[in-house]
Amino acid sequence: MSANEIESALKEIKDCQTNHNTTSCMFCKSVADCAKKNDFEQKTQDNLTQQLTALQSCQKSKGFSSCLNCAELLECSVRNGYVAAVYLSMNRGNGGSFEF
């Protein structure tokens, strides 16, 4: 899944929230049957899986079991992509909003 696909999915869910006059899917009256929310959740989960695979492949190619041993730690696009994917997946389809 490309960064453009994720950005497009995020824009779509944010537009939907705006149309429903809410800042989070959790506060929307239609959340129980929302195909857009379910689609967004699936895309973020697929993206997370893809980013994790890329991260593990990078670590393996460099002989590391952790990114902490890599000199490129803070500038690494693979790791940054994984961190962004984790963040999106943590909000369970709320488009960047977190409710604890």
N, C-alpha and C. Protein backbone atom coordinates (compact mmCIF):
# COMPACT_ATOMS: atom_id res chain seq x y z
N MET A 1 0.86 -1.18 0.00
CA MET A 1 0.00 0.00 0.00
C MET A 1 0.90 1.23 0.00
N SER A 2 0.58 2.15 -0.89
CA SER A 2 1.42 3.33 -1.03
C SER A 2 1.02 4.41 -0.03
N ALA A 3 1.92 5.35 0.16
CA ALA A 3 1.65 6.49 1.05
C ALA A 3 0.47 7.29 0.53
N ASN A 4 0.33 7.38 -0.80
CA ASN A 4 -0.80 8.10 -1.38
C ASN A 4 -2.13 7.43 -1.06
N GLU A 5 -2.14 6.11 -1.06
CA GLU A 5 -3.37 5.38 -0.73
C GLU A 5 -3.78 5.62 0.72
N ILE A 6 -2.79 5.63 1.60
CA ILE A 6 -3.08 5.88 3.02
C ILE A 6 -3.55 7.31 3.21
N GLU A 7 -2.88 8.26 2.57
CA GLU A 7 -3.29 9.67 2.67
C GLU A 7 -4.70 9.85 2.11
N SER A 8 -5.02 9.18 1.03
CA SER A 8 -6.35 9.26 0.43
C SER A 8 -7.40 8.68 1.38
N ALA A 9 -7.10 7.55 1.99
CA ALA A 9 -8.03 6.92 2.94
C ALA A 9 -8.23 7.82 4.16
N LEU A 10 -7.16 8.44 4.63
CA LEU A 10 -7.25 9.34 5.78
C LEU A 10 -8.08 10.57 5.43
N LYS A 11 -7.87 11.11 4.24
CA LYS A 11 -8.67 12.26 3.80
C LYS A 11 -10.14 11.89 3.69
N GLU A 12 -10.41 10.72 3.16
CA GLU A 12 -11.81 10.27 3.01
C GLU A 12 -12.50 10.13 4.36
N ILE A 13 -11.81 9.57 5.34
CA ILE A 13 -12.44 9.40 6.66
C ILE A 13 -12.61 10.75 7.35
N LYS A 14 -11.65 11.66 7.16
CA LYS A 14 -11.77 13.01 7.74
C LYS A 14 -12.92 13.78 7.09
N ASP A 15 -13.07 13.64 5.76
CA ASP A 15 -14.18 14.28 5.06
C ASP A 15 -15.52 13.73 5.56
N CYS A 16 -15.58 12.43 5.78
CA CYS A 16 -16.79 11.81 6.30
C CYS A 16 -17.12 12.36 7.69
N GLN A 17 -16.10 12.48 8.53
CA GLN A 17 -16.32 13.03 9.87
C GLN A 17 -16.83 14.46 9.78
N THR A 18 -16.28 15.24 8.86
CA THR A 18 -16.73 16.62 8.67
C THR A 18 -18.19 16.64 8.22
N ASN A 19 -18.53 15.77 7.28
CA ASN A 19 -19.91 15.69 6.78
C ASN A 19 -20.91 15.28 7.86
N HIS A 20 -20.43 14.50 8.83
CA HIS A 20 -21.28 14.07 9.94
C HIS A 20 -21.12 14.97 11.18
N ASN A 21 -20.40 16.07 10.98
CA ASN A 21 -20.23 17.07 12.04
C ASN A 21 -19.68 16.47 13.34
N THR A 22 -18.59 15.68 13.19
CA THR A 22 -17.95 15.07 14.35
C THR A 22 -16.44 15.08 14.15
N THR A 23 -15.70 14.98 15.22
CA THR A 23 -14.24 14.95 15.14
C THR A 23 -13.70 13.54 15.22
N SER A 24 -14.59 12.57 15.46
CA SER A 24 -14.17 11.19 15.60
C SER A 24 -15.30 10.26 15.20
N CYS A 25 -14.96 9.18 14.56
CA CYS A 25 -15.97 8.18 14.19
C CYS A 25 -16.71 7.64 15.43
N MET A 26 -16.03 7.61 16.54
CA MET A 26 -16.64 7.08 17.77
C MET A 26 -17.85 7.89 18.22
N PHE A 27 -17.93 9.15 17.82
CA PHE A 27 -19.04 10.00 18.22
C PHE A 27 -20.13 10.08 17.14
N CYS A 28 -19.93 9.37 16.04
CA CYS A 28 -20.87 9.43 14.92
C CYS A 28 -22.04 8.48 15.17
N LYS A 29 -23.24 8.92 14.82
CA LYS A 29 -24.45 8.09 14.99
C LYS A 29 -24.42 6.86 14.09
N SER A 30 -23.67 6.92 13.00
CA SER A 30 -23.65 5.83 12.02
C SER A 30 -22.47 4.88 12.19
N VAL A 31 -21.74 4.97 13.28
CA VAL A 31 -20.50 4.21 13.44
C VAL A 31 -20.71 2.70 13.37
N ALA A 32 -21.83 2.21 13.88
CA ALA A 32 -22.05 0.76 13.92
C ALA A 32 -22.10 0.13 12.53
N ASP A 33 -22.62 0.86 11.55
CA ASP A 33 -22.78 0.32 10.20
C ASP A 33 -21.86 1.00 9.19
N CYS A 34 -20.85 1.67 9.62
CA CYS A 34 -20.07 2.52 8.72
C CYS A 34 -19.06 1.71 7.89
N ALA A 35 -19.33 1.64 6.61
CA ALA A 35 -18.42 0.94 5.69
C ALA A 35 -17.11 1.72 5.53
N LYS A 36 -17.18 3.05 5.56
CA LYS A 36 -15.96 3.86 5.42
C LYS A 36 -15.01 3.62 6.58
N LYS A 37 -15.55 3.55 7.79
CA LYS A 37 -14.70 3.31 8.96
C LYS A 37 -14.09 1.91 8.87
N ASN A 38 -14.90 0.93 8.51
CA ASN A 38 -14.40 -0.44 8.38
C ASN A 38 -13.33 -0.53 7.29
N ASP A 39 -13.55 0.15 6.17
CA ASP A 39 -12.57 0.17 5.09
C ASP A 39 -11.27 0.83 5.54
N PHE A 40 -11.40 1.94 6.27
CA PHE A 40 -10.21 2.63 6.77
C PHE A 40 -9.44 1.74 7.74
N GLU A 41 -10.15 1.06 8.62
CA GLU A 41 -9.49 0.15 9.57
C GLU A 41 -8.73 -0.95 8.82
N GLN A 42 -9.36 -1.51 7.79
CA GLN A 42 -8.71 -2.57 7.02
C GLN A 42 -7.48 -2.05 6.29
N LYS A 43 -7.58 -0.88 5.70
CA LYS A 43 -6.43 -0.30 5.00
C LYS A 43 -5.29 0.00 5.97
N THR A 44 -5.61 0.52 7.15
CA THR A 44 -4.54 0.82 8.10
C THR A 44 -3.90 -0.46 8.62
N GLN A 45 -4.70 -1.51 8.79
CA GLN A 45 -4.14 -2.79 9.25
C GLN A 45 -3.26 -3.41 8.16
N ASP A 46 -3.71 -3.35 6.90
CA ASP A 46 -2.90 -3.86 5.79
C ASP A 46 -1.60 -3.08 5.67
N ASN A 47 -1.69 -1.77 5.83
CA ASN A 47 -0.50 -0.92 5.78
C ASN A 47 0.47 -1.26 6.90
N LEU A 48 -0.05 -1.48 8.10
CA LEU A 48 0.80 -1.84 9.24
C LEU A 48 1.53 -3.15 8.96
N THR A 49 0.82 -4.13 8.44
CA THR A 49 1.44 -5.41 8.13
C THR A 49 2.54 -5.25 7.08
N GLN A 50 2.26 -4.46 6.06
CA GLN A 50 3.24 -4.21 5.00
C GLN A 50 4.47 -3.49 5.55
N GLN A 51 4.25 -2.48 6.39
CA GLN A 51 5.37 -1.71 6.96
C GLN A 51 6.20 -2.57 7.91
N LEU A 52 5.54 -3.44 8.68
CA LEU A 52 6.27 -4.33 9.59
C LEU A 52 7.15 -5.29 8.81
N THR A 53 6.62 -5.84 7.73
CA THR A 53 7.39 -6.75 6.88
C THR A 53 8.62 -6.04 6.31
N ALA A 54 8.43 -4.80 5.85
CA ALA A 54 9.56 -4.02 5.31
C ALA A 54 10.60 -3.75 6.39
N LEU A 55 10.15 -3.41 7.59
CA LEU A 55 11.06 -3.14 8.70
C LEU A 55 11.87 -4.38 9.07
N GLN A 56 11.19 -5.50 9.19
CA GLN A 56 11.88 -6.74 9.55
C GLN A 56 12.86 -7.16 8.46
N SER A 57 12.50 -6.94 7.22
CA SER A 57 13.39 -7.26 6.11
C SER A 57 14.64 -6.39 6.15
N CYS A 58 14.46 -5.11 6.45
CA CYS A 58 15.60 -4.19 6.56
C CYS A 58 16.52 -4.62 7.70
N GLN A 59 15.92 -4.91 8.85
CA GLN A 59 16.73 -5.35 10.00
C GLN A 59 17.51 -6.61 9.66
N LYS A 60 16.85 -7.56 9.01
CA LYS A 60 17.49 -8.82 8.66
C LYS A 60 18.65 -8.59 7.68
N SER A 61 18.42 -7.70 6.70
CA SER A 61 19.47 -7.45 5.70
C SER A 61 20.71 -6.80 6.31
N LYS A 62 20.52 -6.09 7.44
CA LYS A 62 21.64 -5.43 8.10
C LYS A 62 22.18 -6.24 9.27
N GLY A 63 21.55 -7.40 9.54
CA GLY A 63 22.00 -8.26 10.62
C GLY A 63 21.63 -7.76 12.00
N PHE A 64 20.58 -6.96 12.08
CA PHE A 64 20.13 -6.41 13.37
C PHE A 64 18.82 -7.06 13.80
N SER A 65 18.63 -7.15 15.10
CA SER A 65 17.35 -7.62 15.63
C SER A 65 16.52 -6.44 16.12
N SER A 66 17.10 -5.24 16.04
CA SER A 66 16.43 -4.02 16.48
C SER A 66 16.97 -2.83 15.69
N CYS A 67 16.12 -1.86 15.47
CA CYS A 67 16.57 -0.63 14.80
C CYS A 67 17.51 0.18 15.68
N LEU A 68 17.49 -0.03 16.97
CA LEU A 68 18.31 0.74 17.89
C LEU A 68 19.81 0.57 17.63
N ASN A 69 20.17 -0.51 16.96
CA ASN A 69 21.58 -0.76 16.66
C ASN A 69 22.04 -0.12 15.35
N CYS A 70 21.12 0.49 14.63
CA CYS A 70 21.42 1.03 13.30
C CYS A 70 21.80 2.51 13.38
N ALA A 71 22.82 2.89 12.63
CA ALA A 71 23.27 4.28 12.60
C ALA A 71 22.24 5.20 11.95
N GLU A 72 21.34 4.65 11.13
CA GLU A 72 20.34 5.45 10.43
C GLU A 72 19.03 5.59 11.23
N LEU A 73 19.03 5.22 12.46
CA LEU A 73 17.83 5.13 13.30
C LEU A 73 16.86 6.30 13.12
N LEU A 74 17.31 7.52 13.29
CA LEU A 74 16.42 8.67 13.28
C LEU A 74 16.05 9.16 11.88
N GLU A 75 16.87 8.84 10.88
CA GLU A 75 16.61 9.30 9.52
C GLU A 75 16.05 8.20 8.62
N CYS A 76 15.76 7.06 9.16
CA CYS A 76 15.38 5.90 8.36
C CYS A 76 13.92 5.99 7.87
N SER A 77 13.74 6.00 6.56
CA SER A 77 12.39 6.08 6.00
C SER A 77 11.59 4.80 6.25
N VAL A 78 12.25 3.66 6.31
CA VAL A 78 11.55 2.40 6.59
C VAL A 78 10.99 2.42 8.01
N ARG A 79 11.82 2.80 8.96
CA ARG A 79 11.37 2.86 10.35
C ARG A 79 10.30 3.94 10.53
N ASN A 80 10.50 5.11 9.92
CA ASN A 80 9.52 6.18 10.03
C ASN A 80 8.17 5.77 9.43
N GLY A 81 8.21 5.01 8.34
CA GLY A 81 6.97 4.49 7.74
C GLY A 81 6.26 3.54 8.67
N TYR A 82 7.04 2.71 9.36
CA TYR A 82 6.45 1.77 10.33
C TYR A 82 5.84 2.52 11.51
N VAL A 83 6.55 3.51 12.04
CA VAL A 83 6.04 4.30 13.17
C VAL A 83 4.74 4.99 12.78
N ALA A 84 4.68 5.56 11.58
CA ALA A 84 3.46 6.22 11.11
C ALA A 84 2.31 5.22 10.97
N ALA A 85 2.61 4.02 10.50
CA ALA A 85 1.59 2.98 10.35
C ALA A 85 1.06 2.52 11.71
N VAL A 86 1.94 2.42 12.69
CA VAL A 86 1.52 2.06 14.05
C VAL A 86 0.59 3.12 14.61
N TYR A 87 0.94 4.37 14.44
CA TYR A 87 0.12 5.48 14.93
C TYR A 87 -1.28 5.42 14.33
N LEU A 88 -1.36 5.26 13.01
CA LEU A 88 -2.66 5.20 12.37
C LEU A 88 -3.47 3.99 12.83
N SER A 89 -2.82 2.86 13.01
CA SER A 89 -3.55 1.66 13.41
C SER A 89 -4.03 1.74 14.87
N MET A 90 -3.34 2.50 15.69
CA MET A 90 -3.72 2.59 17.11
C MET A 90 -5.05 3.30 17.33
N ASN A 91 -5.45 4.15 16.42
CA ASN A 91 -6.68 4.90 16.65
C ASN A 91 -7.92 4.19 16.14
N ARG A 92 -7.76 2.94 15.72
CA ARG A 92 -8.88 2.07 15.36
C ARG A 92 -9.85 2.69 14.36
N GLY A 93 -9.31 3.34 13.37
CA GLY A 93 -10.14 3.87 12.31
C GLY A 93 -10.75 5.22 12.58
N ASN A 94 -10.26 5.93 13.58
CA ASN A 94 -10.82 7.23 13.90
C ASN A 94 -10.12 8.37 13.16
N GLY A 95 -9.28 8.04 12.23
CA GLY A 95 -8.67 9.07 11.38
C GLY A 95 -7.73 9.99 12.11
N GLY A 96 -6.99 9.47 13.07
CA GLY A 96 -6.01 10.29 13.77
C GLY A 96 -6.46 10.77 15.13
N SER A 97 -7.72 10.53 15.47
CA SER A 97 -8.24 10.95 16.77
C SER A 97 -8.12 9.80 17.75
N PHE A 98 -7.79 10.12 18.98
CA PHE A 98 -7.68 9.09 20.01
C PHE A 98 -8.64 9.40 21.14
N GLU A 99 -9.41 8.40 21.53
CA GLU A 99 -10.25 8.52 22.71
C GLU A 99 -9.90 7.36 23.63
N PHE A 100 -9.47 7.68 24.84
CA PHE A 100 -9.09 6.62 25.80
C PHE A 100 -10.15 6.46 26.84
